[in-house]
Amino acid sequence: MAGLSCEQLAMLAGVSPETVRRAEKGKSQPSGRVAKALADALSCQVEELAPTGAQLTLKELRQRQGGTQRDLAARIGVSTQMVSRVENGVYGVREPNRWAAAYGVSRAQWGAAWAASKEDRRRRIRAQPSEGKTP
């Protein structure tokens, strides 16, 4: 929409043209750093880069904002490992309002993203082959 080629956008964002192509085709989800660089190059918000048809997980929400688990952990006052476990749907939290503020979303949006994270973890577990069973 900006009228730029993949090569031009890549140059402005400081990434490879292949990274831009893969992101545009949906073959890979760019890291938070790359998403932020692309958004800056296009003078838009990270959230504007891709439609959000499905509910975002906490990890996707954080990545779209260009943050890292370390940044988030510092804002909340917890360990990076705790952020990882919450984002993977392993743990819940006692202060969801504080977490929502750190993610920059409402409490309801954070809760929906946490539920999506938990469901994503369930799907990944179900997709793993069972131990001791041969196909």
N, C-alpha and C. Protein backbone atom coordinates (compact mmCIF):
# COMPACT_ATOMS: atom_id res chain seq x y z
N MET A 1 0.82 -1.19 0.00
CA MET A 1 0.00 0.00 0.00
C MET A 1 0.86 1.26 0.00
N ALA A 2 2.08 1.15 0.50
CA ALA A 2 2.97 2.30 0.56
C ALA A 2 3.67 2.53 -0.78
N GLY A 3 3.49 1.61 -1.72
CA GLY A 3 4.11 1.76 -3.02
C GLY A 3 5.60 1.43 -3.03
N LEU A 4 6.05 0.67 -2.04
CA LEU A 4 7.46 0.30 -1.97
C LEU A 4 7.64 -1.15 -2.41
N SER A 5 8.77 -1.42 -3.01
CA SER A 5 9.11 -2.80 -3.32
C SER A 5 9.60 -3.47 -2.04
N CYS A 6 9.70 -4.79 -2.06
CA CYS A 6 10.24 -5.51 -0.90
C CYS A 6 11.65 -5.03 -0.59
N GLU A 7 12.43 -4.81 -1.63
CA GLU A 7 13.80 -4.37 -1.44
C GLU A 7 13.86 -2.98 -0.80
N GLN A 8 12.99 -2.08 -1.26
CA GLN A 8 12.97 -0.73 -0.70
C GLN A 8 12.54 -0.74 0.77
N LEU A 9 11.48 -1.50 1.07
CA LEU A 9 11.03 -1.59 2.45
C LEU A 9 12.11 -2.22 3.33
N ALA A 10 12.74 -3.25 2.82
CA ALA A 10 13.81 -3.91 3.58
C ALA A 10 14.93 -2.94 3.89
N MET A 11 15.31 -2.14 2.92
CA MET A 11 16.39 -1.18 3.12
C MET A 11 15.99 -0.15 4.19
N LEU A 12 14.77 0.36 4.10
CA LEU A 12 14.31 1.36 5.07
C LEU A 12 14.22 0.77 6.48
N ALA A 13 13.85 -0.49 6.57
CA ALA A 13 13.68 -1.14 7.88
C ALA A 13 14.96 -1.76 8.41
N GLY A 14 15.96 -1.90 7.55
CA GLY A 14 17.22 -2.51 7.98
C GLY A 14 17.12 -4.01 8.14
N VAL A 15 16.31 -4.63 7.28
CA VAL A 15 16.17 -6.10 7.30
C VAL A 15 16.40 -6.61 5.88
N SER A 16 16.41 -7.91 5.72
CA SER A 16 16.64 -8.47 4.39
C SER A 16 15.34 -8.47 3.58
N PRO A 17 15.45 -8.39 2.26
CA PRO A 17 14.26 -8.48 1.43
C PRO A 17 13.51 -9.79 1.64
N GLU A 18 14.24 -10.88 1.89
CA GLU A 18 13.60 -12.17 2.13
C GLU A 18 12.74 -12.13 3.40
N THR A 19 13.20 -11.41 4.40
CA THR A 19 12.41 -11.26 5.64
C THR A 19 11.10 -10.56 5.34
N VAL A 20 11.15 -9.54 4.51
CA VAL A 20 9.93 -8.81 4.13
C VAL A 20 9.00 -9.73 3.34
N ARG A 21 9.56 -10.46 2.37
CA ARG A 21 8.73 -11.35 1.55
C ARG A 21 8.04 -12.42 2.39
N ARG A 22 8.79 -13.03 3.30
CA ARG A 22 8.22 -14.09 4.14
C ARG A 22 7.12 -13.54 5.05
N ALA A 23 7.32 -12.34 5.57
CA ALA A 23 6.29 -11.73 6.43
C ALA A 23 5.05 -11.38 5.63
N GLU A 24 5.24 -10.84 4.43
CA GLU A 24 4.10 -10.46 3.60
C GLU A 24 3.27 -11.67 3.18
N LYS A 25 3.94 -12.78 2.93
CA LYS A 25 3.23 -14.00 2.50
C LYS A 25 2.70 -14.81 3.67
N GLY A 26 3.00 -14.38 4.88
CA GLY A 26 2.54 -15.10 6.05
C GLY A 26 3.31 -16.38 6.32
N LYS A 27 4.49 -16.51 5.71
CA LYS A 27 5.29 -17.73 5.90
C LYS A 27 6.05 -17.70 7.22
N SER A 28 6.21 -16.53 7.78
CA SER A 28 6.83 -16.41 9.09
C SER A 28 6.30 -15.16 9.76
N GLN A 29 6.31 -15.20 11.08
CA GLN A 29 5.90 -14.03 11.83
C GLN A 29 7.17 -13.31 12.25
N PRO A 30 7.30 -12.05 11.89
CA PRO A 30 8.52 -11.34 12.24
C PRO A 30 8.66 -11.18 13.75
N SER A 31 9.91 -11.12 14.19
CA SER A 31 10.17 -10.88 15.61
C SER A 31 9.64 -9.49 15.97
N GLY A 32 9.57 -9.21 17.24
CA GLY A 32 9.13 -7.90 17.68
C GLY A 32 10.00 -6.78 17.13
N ARG A 33 11.32 -7.02 17.11
CA ARG A 33 12.25 -6.01 16.59
C ARG A 33 12.00 -5.74 15.12
N VAL A 34 11.81 -6.81 14.35
CA VAL A 34 11.57 -6.65 12.90
C VAL A 34 10.21 -5.99 12.66
N ALA A 35 9.20 -6.41 13.39
CA ALA A 35 7.87 -5.81 13.22
C ALA A 35 7.92 -4.31 13.51
N LYS A 36 8.63 -3.94 14.57
CA LYS A 36 8.76 -2.51 14.92
C LYS A 36 9.52 -1.76 13.83
N ALA A 37 10.57 -2.37 13.30
CA ALA A 37 11.36 -1.73 12.24
C ALA A 37 10.51 -1.54 10.98
N LEU A 38 9.71 -2.54 10.63
CA LEU A 38 8.83 -2.43 9.46
C LEU A 38 7.78 -1.35 9.68
N ALA A 39 7.19 -1.33 10.86
CA ALA A 39 6.18 -0.31 11.16
C ALA A 39 6.78 1.09 11.10
N ASP A 40 7.96 1.25 11.67
CA ASP A 40 8.63 2.56 11.63
C ASP A 40 8.92 2.97 10.19
N ALA A 41 9.38 2.03 9.38
CA ALA A 41 9.69 2.33 7.98
C ALA A 41 8.43 2.73 7.21
N LEU A 42 7.29 2.18 7.61
CA LEU A 42 6.02 2.48 6.94
C LEU A 42 5.24 3.60 7.63
N SER A 43 5.82 4.16 8.69
CA SER A 43 5.17 5.23 9.46
C SER A 43 3.79 4.82 9.95
N CYS A 44 3.73 3.63 10.54
CA CYS A 44 2.46 3.15 11.09
C CYS A 44 2.72 2.43 12.41
N GLN A 45 1.66 2.01 13.05
CA GLN A 45 1.76 1.24 14.28
C GLN A 45 1.95 -0.23 13.93
N VAL A 46 2.60 -0.97 14.80
CA VAL A 46 2.82 -2.40 14.56
C VAL A 46 1.49 -3.11 14.36
N GLU A 47 0.47 -2.71 15.13
CA GLU A 47 -0.84 -3.34 15.05
C GLU A 47 -1.48 -3.21 13.67
N GLU A 48 -1.07 -2.22 12.91
CA GLU A 48 -1.64 -1.98 11.59
C GLU A 48 -1.03 -2.87 10.51
N LEU A 49 0.04 -3.56 10.81
CA LEU A 49 0.73 -4.35 9.79
C LEU A 49 -0.03 -5.58 9.35
N ALA A 50 -0.80 -6.17 10.23
CA ALA A 50 -1.51 -7.40 9.88
C ALA A 50 -2.88 -7.39 10.54
N PRO A 51 -3.87 -7.88 9.84
CA PRO A 51 -5.19 -7.98 10.45
C PRO A 51 -5.18 -8.99 11.59
N THR A 52 -6.06 -8.79 12.53
CA THR A 52 -6.10 -9.68 13.68
C THR A 52 -7.40 -10.48 13.69
N GLY A 53 -7.59 -11.31 12.68
CA GLY A 53 -8.79 -12.12 12.58
C GLY A 53 -8.95 -13.05 13.77
N ALA A 54 -7.90 -13.76 14.12
CA ALA A 54 -7.95 -14.66 15.26
C ALA A 54 -7.50 -13.90 16.50
N GLN A 55 -7.90 -14.41 17.64
CA GLN A 55 -7.48 -13.79 18.89
C GLN A 55 -5.97 -13.96 19.05
N LEU A 56 -5.30 -12.88 19.36
CA LEU A 56 -3.86 -12.92 19.57
C LEU A 56 -3.52 -13.56 20.90
N THR A 57 -2.41 -14.27 20.94
CA THR A 57 -1.88 -14.77 22.20
C THR A 57 -1.11 -13.64 22.87
N LEU A 58 -0.73 -13.84 24.13
CA LEU A 58 0.07 -12.81 24.82
C LEU A 58 1.41 -12.59 24.11
N LYS A 59 2.03 -13.66 23.67
CA LYS A 59 3.31 -13.53 22.96
C LYS A 59 3.13 -12.70 21.69
N GLU A 60 2.08 -12.98 20.92
CA GLU A 60 1.83 -12.22 19.69
C GLU A 60 1.52 -10.76 20.01
N LEU A 61 0.77 -10.54 21.07
CA LEU A 61 0.44 -9.18 21.49
C LEU A 61 1.71 -8.41 21.82
N ARG A 62 2.60 -9.03 22.60
CA ARG A 62 3.86 -8.39 22.95
C ARG A 62 4.72 -8.14 21.72
N GLN A 63 4.81 -9.14 20.84
CA GLN A 63 5.64 -9.00 19.65
C GLN A 63 5.13 -7.90 18.74
N ARG A 64 3.84 -7.78 18.62
CA ARG A 64 3.29 -6.73 17.76
C ARG A 64 3.60 -5.35 18.28
N GLN A 65 3.83 -5.24 19.57
CA GLN A 65 4.19 -3.96 20.16
C GLN A 65 5.69 -3.74 20.14
N GLY A 66 6.42 -4.75 19.68
CA GLY A 66 7.87 -4.61 19.55
C GLY A 66 8.63 -4.80 20.85
N GLY A 67 8.01 -5.41 21.85
CA GLY A 67 8.67 -5.61 23.13
C GLY A 67 9.27 -6.99 23.29
N THR A 68 10.13 -7.11 24.27
CA THR A 68 10.74 -8.39 24.59
C THR A 68 10.20 -8.87 25.94
N GLN A 69 10.40 -10.13 26.23
CA GLN A 69 10.00 -10.65 27.53
C GLN A 69 10.75 -9.94 28.64
N ARG A 70 12.00 -9.63 28.39
CA ARG A 70 12.81 -8.93 29.39
C ARG A 70 12.23 -7.55 29.70
N ASP A 71 11.85 -6.80 28.65
CA ASP A 71 11.23 -5.48 28.85
C ASP A 71 9.97 -5.60 29.69
N LEU A 72 9.15 -6.55 29.32
CA LEU A 72 7.88 -6.76 30.00
C LEU A 72 8.09 -7.15 31.46
N ALA A 73 9.03 -8.06 31.70
CA ALA A 73 9.32 -8.49 33.06
C ALA A 73 9.75 -7.31 33.93
N ALA A 74 10.56 -6.43 33.37
CA ALA A 74 11.01 -5.25 34.11
C ALA A 74 9.83 -4.33 34.46
N ARG A 75 8.89 -4.15 33.51
CA ARG A 75 7.73 -3.29 33.77
C ARG A 75 6.82 -3.88 34.84
N ILE A 76 6.70 -5.20 34.87
CA ILE A 76 5.79 -5.85 35.81
C ILE A 76 6.47 -6.09 37.16
N GLY A 77 7.79 -6.28 37.12
CA GLY A 77 8.52 -6.58 38.35
C GLY A 77 8.57 -8.07 38.64
N VAL A 78 8.66 -8.87 37.57
CA VAL A 78 8.76 -10.33 37.72
C VAL A 78 9.94 -10.81 36.87
N SER A 79 10.22 -12.09 36.94
CA SER A 79 11.32 -12.65 36.15
C SER A 79 10.89 -12.85 34.69
N THR A 80 11.87 -12.92 33.82
CA THR A 80 11.62 -13.23 32.41
C THR A 80 11.01 -14.62 32.30
N GLN A 81 11.44 -15.53 33.15
CA GLN A 81 10.90 -16.88 33.14
C GLN A 81 9.40 -16.87 33.47
N MET A 82 9.00 -16.01 34.40
CA MET A 82 7.58 -15.91 34.75
C MET A 82 6.79 -15.40 33.55
N VAL A 83 7.30 -14.40 32.85
CA VAL A 83 6.62 -13.89 31.66
C VAL A 83 6.48 -15.01 30.64
N SER A 84 7.54 -15.78 30.43
CA SER A 84 7.49 -16.89 29.48
C SER A 84 6.41 -17.89 29.86
N ARG A 85 6.33 -18.23 31.13
CA ARG A 85 5.34 -19.22 31.57
C ARG A 85 3.92 -18.70 31.45
N VAL A 86 3.73 -17.43 31.73
CA VAL A 86 2.39 -16.84 31.57
C VAL A 86 2.03 -16.79 30.10
N GLU A 87 2.97 -16.35 29.26
CA GLU A 87 2.71 -16.27 27.82
C GLU A 87 2.45 -17.63 27.20
N ASN A 88 2.97 -18.67 27.80
CA ASN A 88 2.75 -20.03 27.29
C ASN A 88 1.54 -20.70 27.91
N GLY A 89 0.79 -19.96 28.72
CA GLY A 89 -0.42 -20.51 29.31
C GLY A 89 -0.18 -21.50 30.42
N VAL A 90 1.04 -21.53 30.96
CA VAL A 90 1.36 -22.45 32.04
C VAL A 90 0.85 -21.90 33.37
N TYR A 91 1.05 -20.60 33.60
CA TYR A 91 0.64 -19.95 34.84
C TYR A 91 -0.42 -18.89 34.57
N GLY A 92 -1.24 -18.68 35.58
CA GLY A 92 -2.12 -17.52 35.62
C GLY A 92 -1.42 -16.45 36.44
N VAL A 93 -2.08 -15.33 36.66
CA VAL A 93 -1.47 -14.25 37.44
C VAL A 93 -2.46 -13.76 38.50
N ARG A 94 -1.91 -13.17 39.54
CA ARG A 94 -2.75 -12.64 40.62
C ARG A 94 -3.19 -11.20 40.37
N GLU A 95 -2.42 -10.48 39.58
CA GLU A 95 -2.73 -9.07 39.33
C GLU A 95 -2.87 -8.82 37.82
N PRO A 96 -3.96 -9.29 37.24
CA PRO A 96 -4.12 -9.13 35.79
C PRO A 96 -4.16 -7.68 35.32
N ASN A 97 -4.62 -6.79 36.16
CA ASN A 97 -4.65 -5.37 35.75
C ASN A 97 -3.23 -4.84 35.54
N ARG A 98 -2.31 -5.24 36.41
CA ARG A 98 -0.91 -4.81 36.27
C ARG A 98 -0.30 -5.39 35.01
N TRP A 99 -0.60 -6.65 34.73
CA TRP A 99 -0.09 -7.29 33.51
C TRP A 99 -0.68 -6.63 32.27
N ALA A 100 -1.97 -6.35 32.30
CA ALA A 100 -2.62 -5.71 31.15
C ALA A 100 -1.98 -4.36 30.87
N ALA A 101 -1.72 -3.59 31.92
CA ALA A 101 -1.09 -2.28 31.74
C ALA A 101 0.29 -2.43 31.11
N ALA A 102 1.04 -3.44 31.53
CA ALA A 102 2.38 -3.66 30.97
C ALA A 102 2.31 -4.03 29.48
N TYR A 103 1.26 -4.75 29.08
CA TYR A 103 1.07 -5.10 27.68
C TYR A 103 0.44 -3.95 26.89
N GLY A 104 -0.05 -2.94 27.60
CA GLY A 104 -0.65 -1.79 26.94
C GLY A 104 -2.05 -2.05 26.41
N VAL A 105 -2.79 -2.95 27.09
CA VAL A 105 -4.15 -3.28 26.66
C VAL A 105 -5.08 -3.24 27.87
N SER A 106 -6.37 -3.35 27.60
CA SER A 106 -7.34 -3.38 28.69
C SER A 106 -7.28 -4.73 29.41
N ARG A 107 -7.88 -4.79 30.57
CA ARG A 107 -7.93 -6.05 31.33
C ARG A 107 -8.65 -7.12 30.52
N ALA A 108 -9.73 -6.75 29.85
CA ALA A 108 -10.49 -7.71 29.04
C ALA A 108 -9.65 -8.23 27.86
N GLN A 109 -8.93 -7.35 27.19
CA GLN A 109 -8.09 -7.76 26.07
C GLN A 109 -6.97 -8.68 26.56
N TRP A 110 -6.39 -8.35 27.71
CA TRP A 110 -5.33 -9.18 28.25
C TRP A 110 -5.87 -10.57 28.59
N GLY A 111 -7.05 -10.60 29.22
CA GLY A 111 -7.66 -11.89 29.58
C GLY A 111 -7.94 -12.75 28.36
N ALA A 112 -8.42 -12.13 27.29
CA ALA A 112 -8.69 -12.88 26.06
C ALA A 112 -7.38 -13.41 25.45
N ALA A 113 -6.33 -12.60 25.51
CA ALA A 113 -5.04 -13.03 24.96
C ALA A 113 -4.44 -14.15 25.82
N TRP A 114 -4.63 -14.08 27.14
CA TRP A 114 -4.14 -15.15 28.02
C TRP A 114 -4.89 -16.45 27.73
N ALA A 115 -6.20 -16.35 27.56
CA ALA A 115 -7.00 -17.55 27.24
C ALA A 115 -6.55 -18.14 25.91
N ALA A 116 -6.25 -17.29 24.92
CA ALA A 116 -5.76 -17.77 23.62
C ALA A 116 -4.40 -18.45 23.79
N SER A 117 -3.56 -17.92 24.67
CA SER A 117 -2.25 -18.52 24.94
C SER A 117 -2.41 -19.90 25.55
N LYS A 118 -3.33 -20.01 26.49
CA LYS A 118 -3.57 -21.29 27.15
C LYS A 118 -4.11 -22.32 26.15
N GLU A 119 -5.02 -21.89 25.29
CA GLU A 119 -5.57 -22.79 24.28
C GLU A 119 -4.51 -23.19 23.27
N ASP A 120 -3.63 -22.27 22.91
CA ASP A 120 -2.54 -22.57 21.99
C ASP A 120 -1.63 -23.65 22.59
N ARG A 121 -1.36 -23.53 23.89
CA ARG A 121 -0.55 -24.55 24.57
C ARG A 121 -1.25 -25.90 24.54
N ARG A 122 -2.54 -25.93 24.77
CA ARG A 122 -3.30 -27.19 24.73
C ARG A 122 -3.20 -27.83 23.35
N ARG A 123 -3.33 -27.01 22.30
CA ARG A 123 -3.24 -27.52 20.93
C ARG A 123 -1.86 -28.12 20.68
N ARG A 124 -0.82 -27.43 21.13
CA ARG A 124 0.54 -27.94 20.92
C ARG A 124 0.76 -29.25 21.66
N ILE A 125 0.21 -29.36 22.87
CA ILE A 125 0.36 -30.60 23.64
C ILE A 125 -0.37 -31.74 22.94
N ARG A 126 -1.58 -31.48 22.47
CA ARG A 126 -2.35 -32.53 21.78
C ARG A 126 -1.66 -32.97 20.50
N ALA A 127 -0.93 -32.07 19.85
CA ALA A 127 -0.28 -32.38 18.58
C ALA A 127 0.99 -33.20 18.76
N GLN A 128 1.51 -33.27 19.99
CA GLN A 128 2.73 -34.05 20.24
C GLN A 128 2.40 -35.53 20.26
N PRO A 129 3.29 -36.35 19.70
CA PRO A 129 3.07 -37.79 19.75
C PRO A 129 3.11 -38.27 21.20
N SER A 130 2.26 -39.23 21.52
CA SER A 130 2.23 -39.79 22.88
C SER A 130 3.44 -40.67 23.10
N GLU A 131 3.97 -40.62 24.32
CA GLU A 131 5.13 -41.45 24.65
C GLU A 131 4.71 -42.91 24.72
N GLY A 132 5.58 -43.78 24.27
CA GLY A 132 5.34 -45.20 24.35
C GLY A 132 4.42 -45.76 23.28
N LYS A 133 3.83 -44.91 22.47
CA LYS A 133 2.96 -45.38 21.40
C LYS A 133 3.68 -45.19 20.07
N THR A 134 3.59 -46.19 19.26
CA THR A 134 4.19 -46.09 17.93
C THR A 134 3.08 -45.87 16.93
N PRO A 135 3.32 -45.02 15.96
CA PRO A 135 2.27 -44.73 14.97
C PRO A 135 1.96 -45.89 14.08
